[in-house]
Amino acid sequence: MPRTLRTSDMVTPGSLGPPPSEPTDGEQAGQPLLDGALSSASLDTLIQHLVPTADYYPEKAYIFTFLLSSRLFIEPQELLARVCHLCIEQQQLDKPVLDKARVRKFGPKLLQLLAEWTETFPRDFQEESTIGHLKDVVGRIAPCDEAYRKRMHQLLQALHQKLAALGQGPENLLGTDKPVSYRTKPPASIHRELLGICSDPYMLAQQLTHVELDQLRHIGPEEFVQAFVNKEPLASTKPRFSDKTNNLEAYVKWFNRLCYLVATEICMPAKKKQRAQVIEFFIDVARECFNIGNFNSLMAIISGMNMSPVSRLKKTWAKVKTAKFFILEHQMDPTGNFCNYRAALRGAAHRSLTAHSSQEKIVIPFFSLLIKDIYFLNEGCANRLPNGHVNFEKFLELAKQVGEFITWKQVECPFEQDLSITHYLHTAPIFSEDDLLMSLLSILPELPPPERESNGE
């Protein structure tokens, strides 16, 4: 079985030996593909570089980078078909009599490539035709060693298990992310019980981390590239998603849901003292999220507390000890392209690399900023150079960012799950900003309009 990929496996450029075949597309024979790291080449050459032989196997860094970025130029199903065709052609697997000695050197390398591909990009194999390509090429080498057929069976079994697990992704939890209407379901009819279910900030931070890692686990690395494939012209700087990014979109929706859940929980109590208590509780939860390394929940909580319905509660905030909140806001301040947050993220990433416990391995980045970083990397550099070559240097940087994320999302959550809390986080009703403002007007004491505005409550 392929081992779990580390970031260094995915993105570290090295002295990749050129594949033993003639260059294509007019490239000169013997022209080095690399100068320290591969910077550019034609698509045909890059595909050839992916194909193993009896004496050559591409580095893991190259495999991950090319499989991640190639979908900008060629569909994964077509890429697999071309790889299998090249394997059959170069190893003469279509001949009635095979060179068994050469095939026995080539076979393990082919199976290793297929194992790494299916392990890291299982969704590339959802179409039955792709499975057909796998069975065909392995079936051609199986007469040389029956162990190849057994290994192929294990590979397909693992792939089916992965695809089945991905089919139960977080998008199936959606449907509770849209705010309910104040007019159809007034706040008085909703029983708020978060503090009744969990009054320990550290426990809630742990359960939020459970939810985050569960959501992240289903996001495939290819979604970061597919998010910007065939996008419509942008009227703004916000990225648009394609139709192959369900898990990525589900995670963005989870962030928005948590923002509204925090605001809703704060605004529902009728008394200032209770509202202040909820605010202080969420401040402590946010601090625990920061300590854990869960920056996405941290930012969602801060965003929820900065929503207009919450920030306008001047009298409530007057009862809150805000020093801890201001420290957290400072950490997530967008000034200087979120320089404070980026420093904290680097610290958490370093802690993860040198971790002595599973808890120290946790790094959950502020996801919207990660998406924007990848988006601007994609927009800021051309996919192809003027000579038509693929700008592989750009995709090495893309692979570096995505590969680091893949390492983080593979961490197993060390905290025991409390299903009553996570169920509440997923299903508790939430209100929009406008409905929250309407709810505040209904529960706060009657005040003349000018005084209500001046007091903020």
Protein backbone atom coordinates (compact mmCIF):
# COMPACT_ATOMS: atom_id res chain seq x y z
CA MET A 1 0.00 0.00 0.00
CA PRO A 2 1.27 3.54 -0.71
CA ARG A 3 2.38 5.42 2.34
CA THR A 4 0.76 8.67 3.40
CA LEU A 5 2.27 11.53 1.44
CA ARG A 6 4.22 14.13 3.35
CA THR A 7 4.48 17.72 2.17
CA SER A 8 8.14 17.17 1.33
CA ASP A 9 7.19 14.20 -0.85
CA MET A 10 4.72 16.28 -2.79
CA VAL A 11 6.51 19.51 -3.43
CA THR A 12 10.27 19.25 -3.01
CA PRO A 13 11.87 19.64 -6.44
CA GLY A 14 14.81 17.43 -7.13
CA SER A 15 17.08 16.17 -9.87
CA LEU A 16 14.40 14.33 -11.81
CA GLY A 17 15.98 12.13 -14.41
CA PRO A 18 14.52 12.56 -17.90
CA PRO A 19 12.35 9.68 -19.13
CA PRO A 20 14.05 7.30 -21.52
CA SER A 21 12.30 8.40 -24.69
CA GLU A 22 12.78 11.00 -27.35
CA PRO A 23 11.48 14.54 -26.62
CA THR A 24 8.40 15.62 -28.52
CA ASP A 25 6.89 18.76 -29.99
CA GLY A 26 10.14 19.88 -31.57
CA GLU A 27 12.17 19.85 -28.35
CA GLN A 28 15.79 19.03 -28.93
CA ALA A 29 17.06 15.62 -27.94
CA GLY A 30 19.14 15.80 -24.82
CA GLN A 31 17.68 19.17 -23.79
CA PRO A 32 17.59 19.15 -19.97
CA LEU A 33 14.10 19.31 -18.55
CA LEU A 34 15.34 20.67 -15.27
CA ASP A 35 17.62 23.35 -13.97
CA GLY A 36 17.43 22.57 -10.26
CA ALA A 37 13.67 22.25 -10.69
CA LEU A 38 11.48 21.70 -13.70
CA SER A 39 10.28 25.12 -14.87
CA SER A 40 8.51 24.44 -18.16
CA ALA A 41 7.93 21.86 -20.86
CA SER A 42 5.35 20.87 -23.42
CA LEU A 43 2.31 18.93 -22.21
CA ASP A 44 3.40 15.84 -24.19
CA THR A 45 6.83 15.93 -22.54
CA LEU A 46 5.28 16.30 -19.09
CA ILE A 47 3.02 13.31 -19.75
CA GLN A 48 6.01 11.29 -20.96
CA HIS A 49 7.83 12.26 -17.77
CA LEU A 50 5.01 10.70 -15.74
CA VAL A 51 5.25 7.31 -17.42
CA PRO A 52 7.48 4.76 -15.62
CA THR A 53 9.74 2.31 -17.42
CA ALA A 54 11.82 -0.65 -16.34
CA ASP A 55 14.63 1.72 -15.31
CA TYR A 56 12.83 4.97 -14.47
CA TYR A 57 10.24 6.17 -11.95
CA PRO A 58 9.18 9.83 -11.50
CA GLU A 59 9.73 11.50 -8.16
CA LYS A 60 6.74 11.83 -5.86
CA ALA A 61 7.06 15.61 -6.03
CA TYR A 62 6.62 15.47 -9.77
CA ILE A 63 3.73 12.99 -9.66
CA PHE A 64 1.71 15.09 -7.22
CA THR A 65 2.44 18.40 -8.96
CA PHE A 66 1.62 17.17 -12.44
CA LEU A 67 -1.49 15.18 -11.49
CA LEU A 68 -2.75 18.22 -9.57
CA SER A 69 -2.16 20.76 -12.35
CA SER A 70 -2.66 18.63 -15.47
CA ARG A 71 -6.47 18.88 -15.22
CA LEU A 72 -6.12 22.48 -16.41
CA PHE A 73 -5.02 21.10 -19.78
CA ILE A 74 -6.41 17.58 -20.06
CA GLU A 75 -9.22 15.61 -18.40
CA PRO A 76 -7.91 13.02 -15.88
CA GLN A 77 -9.65 10.21 -17.77
CA GLU A 78 -7.88 11.19 -20.99
CA LEU A 79 -4.56 11.56 -19.18
CA LEU A 80 -4.88 8.05 -17.75
CA ALA A 81 -5.73 6.68 -21.19
CA ARG A 82 -2.61 8.30 -22.66
CA VAL A 83 -0.40 7.05 -19.82
CA CYS A 84 -1.70 3.49 -20.25
CA HIS A 85 -1.25 3.71 -24.03
CA LEU A 86 2.36 4.87 -23.62
CA CYS A 87 3.04 2.05 -21.16
CA ILE A 88 1.65 -0.53 -23.59
CA GLU A 89 3.56 0.97 -26.52
CA GLN A 90 6.93 1.43 -24.80
CA GLN A 91 6.91 -1.95 -23.06
CA GLN A 92 5.44 -3.71 -26.12
CA LEU A 93 2.63 -5.12 -23.99
CA ASP A 94 0.50 -5.66 -27.09
CA LYS A 95 2.91 -8.30 -28.45
CA PRO A 96 1.92 -11.99 -28.23
CA VAL A 97 5.19 -12.78 -26.45
CA LEU A 98 6.35 -10.47 -23.65
CA ASP A 99 9.86 -9.77 -22.45
CA LYS A 100 9.20 -11.17 -18.98
CA ALA A 101 12.45 -9.97 -17.47
CA ARG A 102 11.75 -6.38 -18.52
CA VAL A 103 8.08 -6.56 -17.51
CA ARG A 104 9.04 -7.81 -14.03
CA LYS A 105 11.17 -4.68 -13.62
CA PHE A 106 8.46 -2.43 -15.07
CA GLY A 107 5.40 -3.98 -13.38
CA PRO A 108 6.04 -2.87 -9.78
CA LYS A 109 6.71 0.70 -10.96
CA LEU A 110 3.46 0.81 -12.92
CA LEU A 111 1.50 -0.50 -9.94
CA GLN A 112 3.20 2.04 -7.67
CA LEU A 113 2.18 4.91 -9.96
CA LEU A 114 -1.41 3.67 -10.11
CA ALA A 115 -1.48 3.24 -6.33
CA GLU A 116 -0.23 6.81 -5.73
CA TRP A 117 -2.69 8.20 -8.26
CA THR A 118 -5.73 6.38 -6.81
CA GLU A 119 -4.68 7.17 -3.24
CA THR A 120 -4.24 10.92 -3.72
CA PHE A 121 -6.82 11.62 -6.45
CA PRO A 122 -9.49 8.90 -6.06
CA ARG A 123 -12.19 11.01 -7.71
CA ASP A 124 -10.26 10.75 -10.98
CA PHE A 125 -11.47 7.13 -11.06
CA GLN A 126 -15.20 7.59 -10.61
CA GLU A 127 -15.90 6.82 -14.27
CA GLU A 128 -16.12 3.13 -15.17
CA SER A 129 -13.96 3.76 -18.25
CA THR A 130 -10.99 4.74 -16.05
CA ILE A 131 -11.27 1.46 -14.13
CA GLY A 132 -11.30 -0.27 -17.52
CA HIS A 133 -7.97 1.34 -18.41
CA LEU A 134 -6.44 0.12 -15.14
CA LYS A 135 -7.66 -3.44 -15.61
CA ASP A 136 -6.49 -3.51 -19.22
CA VAL A 137 -2.92 -2.38 -18.63
CA VAL A 138 -2.44 -4.53 -15.53
CA GLY A 139 -4.07 -7.48 -17.28
CA ARG A 140 -1.35 -7.26 -19.92
CA ILE A 141 1.48 -7.64 -17.38
CA ALA A 142 -0.29 -10.17 -15.14
CA PRO A 143 0.88 -13.25 -17.15
CA CYS A 144 4.44 -12.39 -16.11
CA ASP A 145 3.62 -12.47 -12.39
CA GLU A 146 0.28 -13.39 -10.83
CA ALA A 147 1.13 -11.13 -7.89
CA TYR A 148 0.33 -8.17 -10.18
CA ARG A 149 -3.30 -9.26 -10.47
CA LYS A 150 -3.60 -9.67 -6.70
CA ARG A 151 -2.04 -6.24 -6.14
CA MET A 152 -4.48 -4.75 -8.64
CA HIS A 153 -7.39 -6.31 -6.78
CA GLN A 154 -6.16 -4.75 -3.51
CA LEU A 155 -5.71 -1.39 -5.21
CA LEU A 156 -9.26 -1.42 -6.61
CA GLN A 157 -10.68 -2.53 -3.28
CA ALA A 158 -8.98 0.37 -1.50
CA LEU A 159 -10.18 2.75 -4.23
CA HIS A 160 -13.80 1.63 -3.89
CA GLN A 161 -13.61 2.09 -0.12
CA LYS A 162 -12.24 5.61 -0.57
CA LEU A 163 -14.92 6.55 -3.09
CA ALA A 164 -17.64 5.14 -0.82
CA ALA A 165 -16.35 7.21 2.10
CA LEU A 166 -16.15 10.32 -0.09
CA GLY A 167 -19.75 9.68 -1.14
CA GLN A 168 -20.73 10.34 2.48
CA GLY A 169 -19.12 13.76 2.36
CA PRO A 170 -20.08 16.85 4.36
CA GLU A 171 -22.33 18.14 1.58
CA ASN A 172 -24.84 15.55 2.80
CA LEU A 173 -25.09 17.50 6.05
CA LEU A 174 -26.20 20.63 4.23
CA GLY A 175 -29.76 21.87 4.30
CA THR A 176 -29.40 23.40 7.75
CA ASP A 177 -26.99 26.12 6.65
CA LYS A 178 -29.63 28.56 5.41
CA PRO A 179 -30.99 31.04 7.95
CA VAL A 180 -34.58 30.51 9.03
CA SER A 181 -37.08 33.32 8.53
CA TYR A 182 -37.98 35.48 11.49
CA ARG A 183 -41.49 35.84 10.11
CA THR A 184 -42.17 32.10 9.82
CA LYS A 185 -40.25 31.00 12.91
CA PRO A 186 -39.93 33.76 15.54
CA PRO A 187 -37.13 33.46 18.14
CA ALA A 188 -39.59 32.79 20.96
CA SER A 189 -40.43 29.44 19.32
CA ILE A 190 -36.79 28.34 19.24
CA HIS A 191 -35.23 26.89 22.35
CA ARG A 192 -31.57 27.95 22.53
CA GLU A 193 -29.54 25.47 24.55
CA LEU A 194 -25.88 25.62 23.53
CA LEU A 195 -24.71 26.63 27.01
CA GLY A 196 -27.03 23.97 28.39
CA ILE A 197 -25.37 21.33 26.21
CA CYS A 198 -21.82 22.61 26.61
CA SER A 199 -20.72 25.24 29.11
CA ASP A 200 -17.01 24.40 28.85
CA PRO A 201 -15.22 26.59 26.23
CA TYR A 202 -12.42 24.05 25.81
CA MET A 203 -14.93 21.27 25.15
CA LEU A 204 -16.74 23.33 22.50
CA ALA A 205 -13.41 24.23 20.87
CA GLN A 206 -12.60 20.52 20.73
CA GLN A 207 -15.94 19.69 19.12
CA LEU A 208 -15.53 22.51 16.60
CA THR A 209 -12.15 21.00 15.73
CA HIS A 210 -13.89 17.66 15.21
CA VAL A 211 -16.31 19.26 12.75
CA GLU A 212 -13.54 21.15 10.96
CA LEU A 213 -11.34 18.10 10.43
CA ASP A 214 -14.30 16.00 9.33
CA GLN A 215 -15.19 18.63 6.73
CA LEU A 216 -11.58 19.02 5.58
CA ARG A 217 -11.06 15.27 5.20
CA HIS A 218 -13.43 15.16 2.23
CA ILE A 219 -11.82 17.99 0.26
CA GLY A 220 -9.69 16.56 -2.54
CA PRO A 221 -6.55 18.43 -3.63
CA GLU A 222 -7.95 18.61 -7.17
CA GLU A 223 -10.83 20.83 -5.97
CA PHE A 224 -8.41 23.73 -5.51
CA VAL A 225 -7.61 23.58 -9.23
CA GLN A 226 -11.12 22.74 -10.41
CA ALA A 227 -12.46 25.73 -8.47
CA PHE A 228 -11.07 27.95 -11.21
CA VAL A 229 -11.41 25.76 -14.30
CA ASN A 230 -13.74 27.16 -16.97
CA LYS A 231 -14.77 30.00 -14.68
CA GLU A 232 -16.83 32.85 -16.03
CA PRO A 233 -15.23 36.29 -16.41
CA LEU A 234 -14.94 37.84 -12.99
CA ALA A 235 -16.78 41.02 -12.18
CA SER A 236 -14.96 41.16 -8.84
CA THR A 237 -11.95 39.62 -7.15
CA LYS A 238 -14.03 36.86 -5.56
CA PRO A 239 -13.36 33.37 -6.92
CA ARG A 240 -16.20 31.44 -8.57
CA PHE A 241 -16.53 27.70 -8.10
CA SER A 242 -17.03 25.06 -10.77
CA ASP A 243 -19.38 22.12 -10.50
CA LYS A 244 -16.66 19.76 -9.23
CA THR A 245 -16.01 21.42 -5.88
CA ASN A 246 -18.87 20.22 -3.69
CA ASN A 247 -16.75 19.51 -0.63
CA LEU A 248 -14.87 22.77 -0.90
CA GLU A 249 -18.15 24.67 -1.13
CA ALA A 250 -19.58 22.69 1.79
CA TYR A 251 -16.66 23.80 3.93
CA VAL A 252 -17.15 27.45 3.00
CA LYS A 253 -20.83 27.06 3.92
CA TRP A 254 -19.86 25.56 7.26
CA PHE A 255 -17.76 28.66 8.03
CA ASN A 256 -20.71 30.93 7.19
CA ARG A 257 -23.05 28.80 9.27
CA LEU A 258 -20.76 29.05 12.30
CA CYS A 259 -20.64 32.86 11.93
CA TYR A 260 -24.44 33.08 11.97
CA LEU A 261 -24.75 30.51 14.76
CA VAL A 262 -22.49 32.61 17.01
CA ALA A 263 -24.46 35.78 16.25
CA THR A 264 -27.79 33.99 16.75
CA GLU A 265 -26.73 32.50 20.10
CA ILE A 266 -25.63 35.93 21.35
CA CYS A 267 -28.75 37.80 20.23
CA MET A 268 -31.39 35.34 21.43
CA PRO A 269 -31.29 35.95 25.24
CA ALA A 270 -33.66 38.70 26.37
CA LYS A 271 -31.42 40.10 29.12
CA LYS A 272 -28.14 41.97 28.75
CA LYS A 273 -26.48 39.88 31.45
CA GLN A 274 -27.27 36.65 29.58
CA ARG A 275 -26.10 38.08 26.27
CA ALA A 276 -22.85 39.24 27.89
CA GLN A 277 -22.38 35.77 29.33
CA VAL A 278 -22.73 34.20 25.87
CA ILE A 279 -20.27 36.71 24.37
CA GLU A 280 -17.67 35.96 27.05
CA PHE A 281 -18.23 32.24 26.51
CA PHE A 282 -17.52 32.55 22.77
CA ILE A 283 -14.44 34.70 23.46
CA ASP A 284 -13.08 31.87 25.60
CA VAL A 285 -14.00 29.33 22.90
CA ALA A 286 -12.16 31.42 20.31
CA ARG A 287 -9.07 31.60 22.51
CA GLU A 288 -9.10 27.81 22.95
CA CYS A 289 -9.43 27.42 19.17
CA PHE A 290 -6.35 29.60 18.74
CA ASN A 291 -4.40 27.49 21.23
CA ILE A 292 -5.43 24.28 19.48
CA GLY A 293 -4.48 25.65 16.04
CA ASN A 294 -8.06 25.82 14.75
CA PHE A 295 -7.87 29.16 12.98
CA ASN A 296 -10.95 28.62 10.81
CA SER A 297 -13.34 28.32 13.79
CA LEU A 298 -11.50 31.19 15.46
CA MET A 299 -12.14 33.50 12.50
CA ALA A 300 -15.78 32.38 12.20
CA ILE A 301 -16.41 33.19 15.88
CA ILE A 302 -14.76 36.61 15.58
CA SER A 303 -16.75 37.31 12.39
CA GLY A 304 -19.98 36.33 14.10
CA MET A 305 -19.28 38.67 17.02
CA ASN A 306 -18.50 41.48 14.59
CA MET A 307 -21.84 41.19 12.77
CA SER A 308 -23.98 44.29 13.01
CA PRO A 309 -26.67 42.78 15.29
CA VAL A 310 -23.99 41.86 17.83
CA SER A 311 -21.65 44.83 17.54
CA ARG A 312 -24.55 47.29 18.05
CA LEU A 313 -25.30 45.85 21.50
CA LYS A 314 -23.42 48.67 23.26
CA LYS A 315 -24.89 48.08 26.72
CA THR A 316 -24.24 44.36 26.48
CA TRP A 317 -20.62 44.87 25.43
CA ALA A 318 -20.21 47.29 28.35
CA LYS A 319 -20.70 44.29 30.65
CA VAL A 320 -18.07 42.19 28.81
CA LYS A 321 -14.38 41.94 29.68
CA THR A 322 -13.13 42.70 26.18
CA ALA A 323 -9.34 42.55 26.64
CA LYS A 324 -9.13 38.90 25.49
CA PHE A 325 -11.38 39.63 22.51
CA PHE A 326 -9.22 42.52 21.34
CA ILE A 327 -6.13 40.29 21.52
CA LEU A 328 -7.84 37.70 19.31
CA GLU A 329 -9.02 40.38 16.89
CA HIS A 330 -5.45 41.63 16.67
CA GLN A 331 -4.24 38.12 15.78
CA MET A 332 -6.74 37.91 12.91
CA ASP A 333 -6.42 41.56 11.81
CA PRO A 334 -6.47 41.76 7.97
CA THR A 335 -3.89 44.59 8.04
CA GLY A 336 -0.74 43.81 6.10
CA ASN A 337 -2.38 40.91 4.28
CA PHE A 338 -3.16 39.21 7.60
CA CYS A 339 0.49 39.36 8.67
CA ASN A 340 -0.28 38.54 12.33
CA TYR A 341 -2.36 35.52 11.39
CA ARG A 342 0.24 34.31 8.90
CA ALA A 343 2.91 34.47 11.60
CA ALA A 344 0.68 32.47 13.96
CA LEU A 345 -0.03 29.94 11.19
CA ARG A 346 3.71 29.48 10.56
CA GLY A 347 4.18 28.90 14.27
CA ALA A 348 1.42 26.28 14.32
CA ALA A 349 2.86 24.61 11.20
CA HIS A 350 6.29 24.41 12.82
CA ARG A 351 4.74 22.99 16.00
CA SER A 352 2.99 20.38 13.87
CA LEU A 353 6.27 19.29 12.25
CA THR A 354 7.98 18.87 15.62
CA ALA A 355 4.91 17.57 17.48
CA HIS A 356 5.30 15.30 20.49
CA SER A 357 1.55 14.67 20.73
CA SER A 358 -1.34 14.28 18.30
CA GLN A 359 -2.90 17.52 19.57
CA GLU A 360 0.21 19.49 18.62
CA LYS A 361 -0.16 18.29 15.01
CA ILE A 362 -3.44 20.17 14.48
CA VAL A 363 -3.31 23.02 11.95
CA ILE A 364 -6.64 24.22 10.53
CA PRO A 365 -6.02 27.31 8.39
CA PHE A 366 -8.42 30.19 7.83
CA PHE A 367 -9.86 28.58 4.74
CA SER A 368 -11.23 31.60 2.87
CA LEU A 369 -7.79 33.21 2.94
CA LEU A 370 -6.17 29.98 1.71
CA ILE A 371 -8.63 29.92 -1.20
CA LYS A 372 -7.85 33.55 -2.03
CA ASP A 373 -4.09 32.90 -1.91
CA ILE A 374 -4.48 30.04 -4.38
CA TYR A 375 -6.86 32.08 -6.52
CA PHE A 376 -4.43 35.00 -6.83
CA LEU A 377 -1.56 32.61 -7.54
CA ASN A 378 -3.64 31.19 -10.37
CA GLU A 379 -4.60 34.62 -11.68
CA GLY A 380 -1.15 36.17 -11.25
CA CYS A 381 0.77 33.68 -13.41
CA ALA A 382 0.00 32.33 -16.86
CA ASN A 383 -0.62 28.60 -17.24
CA ARG A 384 1.37 28.55 -20.47
CA LEU A 385 4.44 30.46 -21.56
CA PRO A 386 4.61 32.34 -24.90
CA ASN A 387 6.22 29.29 -26.55
CA GLY A 388 3.23 27.14 -25.57
CA HIS A 389 5.01 25.25 -22.82
CA VAL A 390 3.27 24.57 -19.52
CA ASN A 391 4.44 26.96 -16.79
CA PHE A 392 5.45 24.19 -14.42
CA GLU A 393 7.20 26.59 -12.03
CA LYS A 394 3.78 28.07 -11.22
CA PHE A 395 2.37 24.64 -10.49
CA LEU A 396 5.24 23.74 -8.18
CA GLU A 397 4.19 26.70 -6.02
CA LEU A 398 0.54 25.64 -6.26
CA ALA A 399 1.49 22.11 -5.22
CA LYS A 400 3.44 23.50 -2.28
CA GLN A 401 0.39 25.30 -0.92
CA VAL A 402 -2.06 22.49 -1.61
CA GLY A 403 0.37 19.83 -0.41
CA GLU A 404 0.74 21.56 2.95
CA PHE A 405 -3.04 21.66 3.28
CA ILE A 406 -3.27 17.93 2.45
CA THR A 407 -0.80 17.18 5.24
CA TRP A 408 -2.87 19.17 7.74
CA LYS A 409 -6.19 17.64 6.78
CA GLN A 410 -4.88 14.10 7.28
CA VAL A 411 -4.38 14.64 11.02
CA GLU A 412 -6.66 12.48 13.15
CA CYS A 413 -8.64 14.47 15.70
CA PRO A 414 -7.31 13.50 19.15
CA PHE A 415 -10.40 14.67 21.04
CA GLU A 416 -13.29 12.43 21.98
CA GLN A 417 -16.39 13.37 20.00
CA ASP A 418 -19.58 14.46 21.76
CA LEU A 419 -22.37 13.75 19.28
CA SER A 420 -24.92 15.91 21.11
CA ILE A 421 -22.69 18.97 20.66
CA THR A 422 -21.68 18.32 17.05
CA HIS A 423 -25.31 17.57 16.16
CA TYR A 424 -26.33 20.93 17.64
CA LEU A 425 -23.59 22.73 15.72
CA HIS A 426 -24.90 21.22 12.47
CA THR A 427 -28.65 21.57 13.06
CA ALA A 428 -29.43 24.47 15.40
CA PRO A 429 -31.53 27.15 13.62
CA ILE A 430 -29.72 30.33 12.61
CA PHE A 431 -31.01 33.77 11.62
CA SER A 432 -29.81 36.23 9.01
CA GLU A 433 -28.49 39.64 10.06
CA ASP A 434 -31.78 41.35 9.22
CA ASP A 435 -33.82 38.81 11.16
CA LEU A 436 -31.48 39.10 14.14
CA LEU A 437 -32.01 42.87 14.16
CA MET A 438 -35.77 42.30 14.06
CA SER A 439 -35.51 39.84 16.93
CA LEU A 440 -33.59 42.36 19.04
CA LEU A 441 -36.30 44.96 18.50
CA SER A 442 -38.87 42.45 19.75
CA ILE A 443 -37.04 41.42 22.93
CA LEU A 444 -35.39 44.65 24.06
CA PRO A 445 -37.32 47.11 26.27
CA GLU A 446 -39.47 49.62 24.45
CA LEU A 447 -37.53 52.81 23.82
CA PRO A 448 -38.31 55.87 21.70
CA PRO A 449 -36.59 55.44 18.31
CA PRO A 450 -33.95 58.20 18.82
CA GLU A 451 -32.92 56.84 22.22
CA ARG A 452 -32.85 53.28 20.90
CA GLU A 453 -30.50 54.32 18.14
CA SER A 454 -28.24 56.33 20.43
CA ASN A 455 -27.97 53.53 22.97
CA GLY A 456 -27.38 50.93 20.33
CA GLU A 457 -29.94 48.58 21.90
